[in-house]
Amino acid sequence: MSSTRIPNLESYSPDQLDRAFGALRTEVAQETAALGTPEEREQFRLRWLGRKQGRLKSISDAWLKSAPPEARKALGLHFNQLKQQIEQALEAETSGGESTTIKDAIDVT
């Protein structure tokens, strides 16, 4: 489904950052569209948000820590947008699943 490898940044130019994070946002969107079971959602969450081996941690280690000071603000903004996209996708999946479960569990008879 997804590669665990983080693409290399050739530079920290705005165009390069847009392309790199655009590719990651597309990957997140494709993966979230394919999520079906709670187990798949959990695997997605761990793959992207895991503290030890998550992709966001890898991006932080590879890109943020080595970025020149003048590029850190733009890089941080892109990073936070990607993280928000992932969290929103997980919240949407969770709230959608819970609402149908709650509706199904209420018996008004």
C-alpha atoms as a PDB file:
ATOM      1  CA  MET A   1       0.000   0.000   0.000  1.00  0.00           C
ATOM      2  CA  SER A   2       2.589   2.555   1.015  1.00  0.00           C
ATOM      3  CA  SER A   3       6.303   2.613   1.065  1.00  0.00           C
ATOM      4  CA  THR A   4       7.942   3.223   4.397  1.00  0.00           C
ATOM      5  CA  ARG A   5      10.774   5.090   2.741  1.00  0.00           C
ATOM      6  CA  ILE A   6      10.755   8.857   3.046  1.00  0.00           C
ATOM      7  CA  PRO A   7      11.694  10.606  -0.201  1.00  0.00           C
ATOM      8  CA  ASN A   8      14.879  12.647  -0.189  1.00  0.00           C
ATOM      9  CA  LEU A   9      14.587  16.392  -0.415  1.00  0.00           C
ATOM     10  CA  GLU A  10      16.863  17.818  -3.057  1.00  0.00           C
ATOM     11  CA  SER A  11      16.507  21.265  -1.542  1.00  0.00           C
ATOM     12  CA  TYR A  12      14.335  23.170   0.875  1.00  0.00           C
ATOM     13  CA  SER A  13      12.887  25.459  -1.798  1.00  0.00           C
ATOM     14  CA  PRO A  14       9.147  26.184  -1.625  1.00  0.00           C
ATOM     15  CA  ASP A  15       8.546  24.247  -4.863  1.00  0.00           C
ATOM     16  CA  GLN A  16      10.440  21.204  -3.614  1.00  0.00           C
ATOM     17  CA  LEU A  17       8.562  21.266  -0.294  1.00  0.00           C
ATOM     18  CA  ASP A  18       5.219  21.594  -2.106  1.00  0.00           C
ATOM     19  CA  ARG A  19       6.019  18.599  -4.319  1.00  0.00           C
ATOM     20  CA  ALA A  20       7.302  16.420  -1.483  1.00  0.00           C
ATOM     21  CA  PHE A  21       4.446  17.128   0.888  1.00  0.00           C
ATOM     22  CA  GLY A  22       1.922  17.007  -1.952  1.00  0.00           C
ATOM     23  CA  ALA A  23       3.034  13.454  -2.712  1.00  0.00           C
ATOM     24  CA  LEU A  24       2.709  12.521   0.969  1.00  0.00           C
ATOM     25  CA  ARG A  25      -0.763  14.121   1.230  1.00  0.00           C
ATOM     26  CA  THR A  26      -1.862  12.185  -1.862  1.00  0.00           C
ATOM     27  CA  GLU A  27      -0.556   8.979  -0.325  1.00  0.00           C
ATOM     28  CA  VAL A  28      -2.455   9.684   2.911  1.00  0.00           C
ATOM     29  CA  ALA A  29      -5.656  10.381   0.959  1.00  0.00           C
ATOM     30  CA  GLN A  30      -5.323   7.149  -1.026  1.00  0.00           C
ATOM     31  CA  GLU A  31      -4.674   5.110   2.092  1.00  0.00           C
ATOM     32  CA  THR A  32      -7.576   6.612   4.040  1.00  0.00           C
ATOM     33  CA  ALA A  33      -9.936   5.950   1.121  1.00  0.00           C
ATOM     34  CA  ALA A  34      -9.028   2.263   1.322  1.00  0.00           C
ATOM     35  CA  LEU A  35      -9.520   1.914   5.083  1.00  0.00           C
ATOM     36  CA  GLY A  36     -12.332  -0.402   6.005  1.00  0.00           C
ATOM     37  CA  THR A  37     -11.829  -2.302   9.217  1.00  0.00           C
ATOM     38  CA  PRO A  38     -10.808  -1.017  12.638  1.00  0.00           C
ATOM     39  CA  GLU A  39      -7.616  -3.069  12.295  1.00  0.00           C
ATOM     40  CA  GLU A  40      -6.733  -1.277   9.047  1.00  0.00           C
ATOM     41  CA  ARG A  41      -7.354   2.107  10.708  1.00  0.00           C
ATOM     42  CA  GLU A  42      -5.094   1.153  13.597  1.00  0.00           C
ATOM     43  CA  GLN A  43      -2.347   0.009  11.213  1.00  0.00           C
ATOM     44  CA  PHE A  44      -2.685   3.291   9.308  1.00  0.00           C
ATOM     45  CA  ARG A  45      -2.463   5.251  12.575  1.00  0.00           C
ATOM     46  CA  LEU A  46       0.640   3.383  13.670  1.00  0.00           C
ATOM     47  CA  ARG A  47       2.266   3.631  10.236  1.00  0.00           C
ATOM     48  CA  TRP A  48       1.883   7.405  10.148  1.00  0.00           C
ATOM     49  CA  LEU A  49       1.726   8.547  13.785  1.00  0.00           C
ATOM     50  CA  GLY A  50       3.714   5.878  15.602  1.00  0.00           C
ATOM     51  CA  ARG A  51       6.192   7.409  18.050  1.00  0.00           C
ATOM     52  CA  LYS A  52       9.078   5.103  17.301  1.00  0.00           C
ATOM     53  CA  GLN A  53       8.758   4.108  13.654  1.00  0.00           C
ATOM     54  CA  GLY A  54       5.940   6.253  12.284  1.00  0.00           C
ATOM     55  CA  ARG A  55       6.382   8.033   8.980  1.00  0.00           C
ATOM     56  CA  LEU A  56       5.931  11.467  10.586  1.00  0.00           C
ATOM     57  CA  LYS A  57       8.779  10.667  12.971  1.00  0.00           C
ATOM     58  CA  SER A  58      10.913   9.651   9.997  1.00  0.00           C
ATOM     59  CA  ILE A  59      10.038  12.886   8.201  1.00  0.00           C
ATOM     60  CA  SER A  60      10.918  14.855  11.303  1.00  0.00           C
ATOM     61  CA  ASP A  61      14.230  13.055  11.668  1.00  0.00           C
ATOM     62  CA  ALA A  62      15.151  13.276   7.986  1.00  0.00           C
ATOM     63  CA  TRP A  63      13.861  16.711   7.060  1.00  0.00           C
ATOM     64  CA  LEU A  64      13.133  18.925  10.064  1.00  0.00           C
ATOM     65  CA  LYS A  65      16.230  18.207  12.104  1.00  0.00           C
ATOM     66  CA  SER A  66      18.589  18.785   9.200  1.00  0.00           C
ATOM     67  CA  ALA A  67      16.798  21.802   7.719  1.00  0.00           C
ATOM     68  CA  PRO A  68      18.559  25.147   7.596  1.00  0.00           C
ATOM     69  CA  PRO A  69      17.037  27.731   9.942  1.00  0.00           C
ATOM     70  CA  GLU A  70      15.492  29.754   7.106  1.00  0.00           C
ATOM     71  CA  ALA A  71      13.558  26.704   5.837  1.00  0.00           C
ATOM     72  CA  ARG A  72      12.237  25.426   9.152  1.00  0.00           C
ATOM     73  CA  LYS A  73       9.132  27.619   9.286  1.00  0.00           C
ATOM     74  CA  ALA A  74       7.833  26.545   5.864  1.00  0.00           C
ATOM     75  CA  LEU A  75       8.791  22.942   6.519  1.00  0.00           C
ATOM     76  CA  GLY A  76       7.040  23.006   9.879  1.00  0.00           C
ATOM     77  CA  LEU A  77       3.869  24.411   8.321  1.00  0.00           C
ATOM     78  CA  HIS A  78       3.776  21.635   5.717  1.00  0.00           C
ATOM     79  CA  PHE A  79       4.531  19.050   8.392  1.00  0.00           C
ATOM     80  CA  ASN A  80       1.702  20.268  10.631  1.00  0.00           C
ATOM     81  CA  GLN A  81      -0.762  20.315   7.709  1.00  0.00           C
ATOM     82  CA  LEU A  82       0.120  16.714   6.895  1.00  0.00           C
ATOM     83  CA  LYS A  83      -0.291  15.686  10.538  1.00  0.00           C
ATOM     84  CA  GLN A  84      -3.672  17.427  10.707  1.00  0.00           C
ATOM     85  CA  GLN A  85      -4.805  15.653   7.542  1.00  0.00           C
ATOM     86  CA  ILE A  86      -3.899  12.295   9.079  1.00  0.00           C
ATOM     87  CA  GLU A  87      -5.599  13.098  12.391  1.00  0.00           C
ATOM     88  CA  GLN A  88      -8.740  14.378  10.638  1.00  0.00           C
ATOM     89  CA  ALA A  89      -8.913  11.234   8.520  1.00  0.00           C
ATOM     90  CA  LEU A  90      -8.707   9.091  11.637  1.00  0.00           C
ATOM     91  CA  GLU A  91     -11.310  11.194  13.454  1.00  0.00           C
ATOM     92  CA  ALA A  92     -13.694  11.020  10.495  1.00  0.00           C
ATOM     93  CA  GLU A  93     -13.305   7.254  10.303  1.00  0.00           C
ATOM     94  CA  THR A  94     -13.751   6.876  14.060  1.00  0.00           C
ATOM     95  CA  SER A  95     -16.735   9.187  14.408  1.00  0.00           C
ATOM     96  CA  GLY A  96     -18.429   7.595  11.405  1.00  0.00           C
ATOM     97  CA  GLY A  97     -17.972   4.119  12.817  1.00  0.00           C
ATOM     98  CA  GLU A  98     -19.083   5.073  16.310  1.00  0.00           C
ATOM     99  CA  SER A  99     -22.208   6.889  15.188  1.00  0.00           C
ATOM    100  CA  THR A 100     -23.536   3.867  13.289  1.00  0.00           C
ATOM    101  CA  THR A 101     -22.636   1.573  16.164  1.00  0.00           C
ATOM    102  CA  ILE A 102     -24.470   3.778  18.656  1.00  0.00           C
ATOM    103  CA  LYS A 103     -27.527   4.064  16.386  1.00  0.00           C
ATOM    104  CA  ASP A 104     -27.610   0.299  15.942  1.00  0.00           C
ATOM    105  CA  ALA A 105     -27.244  -0.297  19.683  1.00  0.00           C
ATOM    106  CA  ILE A 106     -30.236   1.840  20.722  1.00  0.00           C
ATOM    107  CA  ASP A 107     -33.451  -0.082  20.826  1.00  0.00           C
ATOM    108  CA  VAL A 108     -36.440   2.235  21.291  1.00  0.00           C
ATOM    109  CA  THR A 109     -39.115  -0.480  21.543  1.00  0.00           C
END
